[in-house]
Protein backbone atom coordinates (compact mmCIF):
# COMPACT_ATOMS: atom_id res chain seq x y z
CA MET A 1 8.29 8.90 6.32
CA ARG A 2 9.14 5.20 6.29
CA LEU A 3 9.08 3.80 2.76
CA LEU A 4 9.79 0.41 1.26
CA LEU A 5 9.58 0.64 -2.53
CA THR A 6 9.88 -2.66 -4.37
CA SER A 7 9.66 -3.69 -7.98
CA ASN A 8 7.93 -7.00 -7.29
CA GLY A 9 6.59 -7.15 -3.75
CA LEU A 10 8.00 -8.94 -0.72
CA ARG A 11 9.71 -11.65 -2.75
CA ASN A 12 12.60 -12.47 -0.44
CA ASP A 13 13.69 -12.57 3.20
CA LEU A 14 15.71 -9.36 2.84
CA LEU A 15 12.62 -7.34 1.89
CA VAL A 16 10.53 -8.95 4.64
CA ALA A 17 13.28 -8.12 7.15
CA ALA A 18 13.41 -4.53 5.89
CA LEU A 19 9.65 -4.19 6.38
CA SER A 20 9.89 -5.70 9.86
CA GLU A 21 12.62 -3.23 10.78
CA LEU A 22 10.65 -0.26 9.43
CA LEU A 23 7.54 -1.43 11.28
CA GLY A 24 9.34 -1.88 14.58
CA LYS A 25 6.95 -4.45 15.98
CA PRO A 26 5.83 -7.99 15.09
CA PHE A 27 3.52 -8.52 12.14
CA ALA A 28 1.16 -10.40 14.48
CA GLU A 29 0.63 -7.14 16.40
CA SER A 30 0.18 -5.04 13.26
CA ALA A 31 -2.43 -4.29 10.64
CA VAL A 32 -1.84 -3.79 6.93
CA ALA A 33 -4.17 -2.00 4.52
CA VAL A 34 -3.77 -3.14 0.92
CA ILE A 35 -4.68 -0.73 -1.85
CA PRO A 36 -5.21 -2.84 -5.01
CA THR A 37 -6.35 0.12 -7.14
CA ALA A 38 -3.40 0.11 -9.56
CA SER A 39 -3.93 -3.58 -10.31
CA LEU A 40 -7.58 -3.11 -11.26
CA ALA A 41 -6.70 -1.10 -14.39
CA VAL A 42 -4.47 -3.85 -15.80
CA PRO A 43 -6.21 -6.37 -18.07
CA GLY A 44 -5.48 -10.08 -18.20
CA ASP A 45 -4.56 -12.68 -15.64
CA HIS A 46 -4.16 -11.39 -12.09
CA GLY A 47 -2.46 -14.45 -10.67
CA TRP A 48 0.54 -12.26 -9.82
CA LEU A 49 -1.70 -10.18 -7.54
CA LEU A 50 -3.05 -13.24 -5.74
CA GLU A 51 0.49 -14.59 -5.28
CA ASP A 52 1.65 -11.29 -3.82
CA LEU A 53 -1.34 -11.06 -1.49
CA SER A 54 -0.76 -14.68 -0.40
CA ARG A 55 2.88 -13.91 0.47
CA LEU A 56 1.77 -10.80 2.36
CA TYR A 57 -0.98 -12.70 4.23
CA ALA A 58 1.47 -15.47 5.17
CA LEU A 59 3.44 -12.99 7.30
CA GLY A 60 0.75 -13.44 9.96
CA TRP A 61 -0.74 -9.97 10.32
CA ARG A 62 -3.20 -9.19 13.11
CA GLU A 63 -5.38 -7.82 10.32
CA LEU A 64 -5.08 -7.58 6.54
CA GLY A 65 -7.64 -5.22 5.02
CA ILE A 66 -8.39 -4.30 1.42
CA VAL A 67 -9.10 -0.62 0.76
CA ALA A 68 -10.86 0.53 -2.39
CA LEU A 69 -10.12 4.13 -3.31
CA TYR A 70 -13.08 4.32 -5.67
CA GLY A 71 -16.63 3.74 -4.49
CA LEU A 72 -16.16 4.31 -0.77
CA PRO A 73 -16.79 7.60 0.99
CA HIS A 74 -13.64 9.65 1.62
CA ASP A 75 -13.90 9.31 5.41
CA SER A 76 -14.29 5.54 5.16
CA VAL A 77 -11.10 5.24 3.09
CA VAL A 78 -9.17 7.47 5.50
CA ASP A 79 -10.47 5.56 8.55
CA ARG A 80 -9.40 2.23 7.03
CA LEU A 81 -5.94 3.58 6.22
CA ARG A 82 -5.67 5.18 9.65
CA SER A 83 -6.38 1.83 11.34
CA ALA A 84 -3.36 0.26 9.61
CA ASP A 85 0.29 0.28 10.60
CA VAL A 86 1.32 -0.42 7.00
CA ILE A 87 -0.19 0.96 3.81
CA TYR A 88 0.60 -1.48 0.99
CA ALA A 89 -0.02 -0.17 -2.54
CA GLU A 90 -0.06 -2.87 -5.19
CA GLY A 91 1.38 -2.69 -8.67
CA GLY A 92 -0.42 -2.25 -11.95
CA ASN A 93 -1.22 1.09 -13.55
CA PRO A 94 0.39 4.00 -11.64
CA VAL A 95 -1.78 6.63 -13.35
CA HIS A 96 -4.96 4.85 -12.23
CA LEU A 97 -3.69 4.75 -8.66
CA ALA A 98 -2.55 8.39 -8.68
CA ASN A 99 -5.89 9.45 -10.13
CA GLY A 100 -7.70 7.51 -7.41
CA ILE A 101 -5.71 9.40 -4.80
CA ILE A 102 -6.21 12.80 -6.44
CA VAL A 103 -9.86 12.45 -7.52
CA ASN A 104 -10.86 11.27 -4.07
CA ASP A 105 -8.90 14.09 -2.40
CA LEU A 106 -6.66 11.69 -0.49
CA ALA A 107 -3.18 13.15 -1.17
CA ASP A 108 -3.06 15.31 1.97
CA ASP A 109 -4.58 12.55 4.09
CA ILE A 110 -2.04 10.01 2.88
CA ARG A 111 0.80 12.47 3.40
CA GLN A 112 -0.35 12.97 6.99
CA LEU A 113 -0.87 9.24 7.60
CA LEU A 114 2.64 8.45 6.38
CA GLU A 115 4.13 10.51 9.19
CA ASP A 116 3.72 7.50 11.47
CA ARG A 117 3.00 4.55 9.18
CA VAL A 118 5.03 2.45 6.80
CA TYR A 119 4.27 2.73 3.10
CA VAL A 120 5.10 -0.25 0.89
CA GLY A 121 4.89 0.53 -2.81
CA VAL A 122 4.97 -2.42 -5.18
CA SER A 123 6.03 -1.49 -8.72
CA ALA A 124 3.35 0.98 -9.84
CA GLY A 125 2.42 1.47 -6.19
CA SER A 126 5.75 3.24 -5.69
CA ASN A 127 5.07 5.87 -8.35
CA PRO A 128 1.94 7.77 -7.16
CA LEU A 129 3.72 9.24 -4.15
CA VAL A 130 5.69 11.42 -6.51
CA ARG A 131 2.72 12.13 -8.77
CA CYS A 132 0.70 13.30 -5.77
CA GLY A 133 3.33 15.73 -4.58
CA HIS A 134 5.20 13.60 -2.05
CA ASP A 135 8.92 14.21 -1.82
CA VAL A 136 10.51 10.77 -1.54
CA ALA A 137 14.11 12.00 -1.81
């Protein structure tokens, strides 16, 4: 399992370099799937989310996709995550994100997907791995 857990996203060159090393290939040849679920449960201004997504997009991915855990069929969510080299879980409310994973029966799928993908957890996005039974030690 290749994890990059951050408190505030890819805010500096060191974190971008760490992601690049974990990925093992150029961003331009890679796809990232962003899970914004945790951010959706937080009220107020979401400028921080747009700034983080802008920084992520600026890395020049082959594809940047947004994956909604709620409202899409299970197989559609898994297919979108499977097509990505990086699964990027945004910050916000960790309970909302963990519930989205559990209620939609995604914990085992995500565990399996992380065997050969990079997981980037931003703030609250770092927490659900533990809540869903993933051993991050």
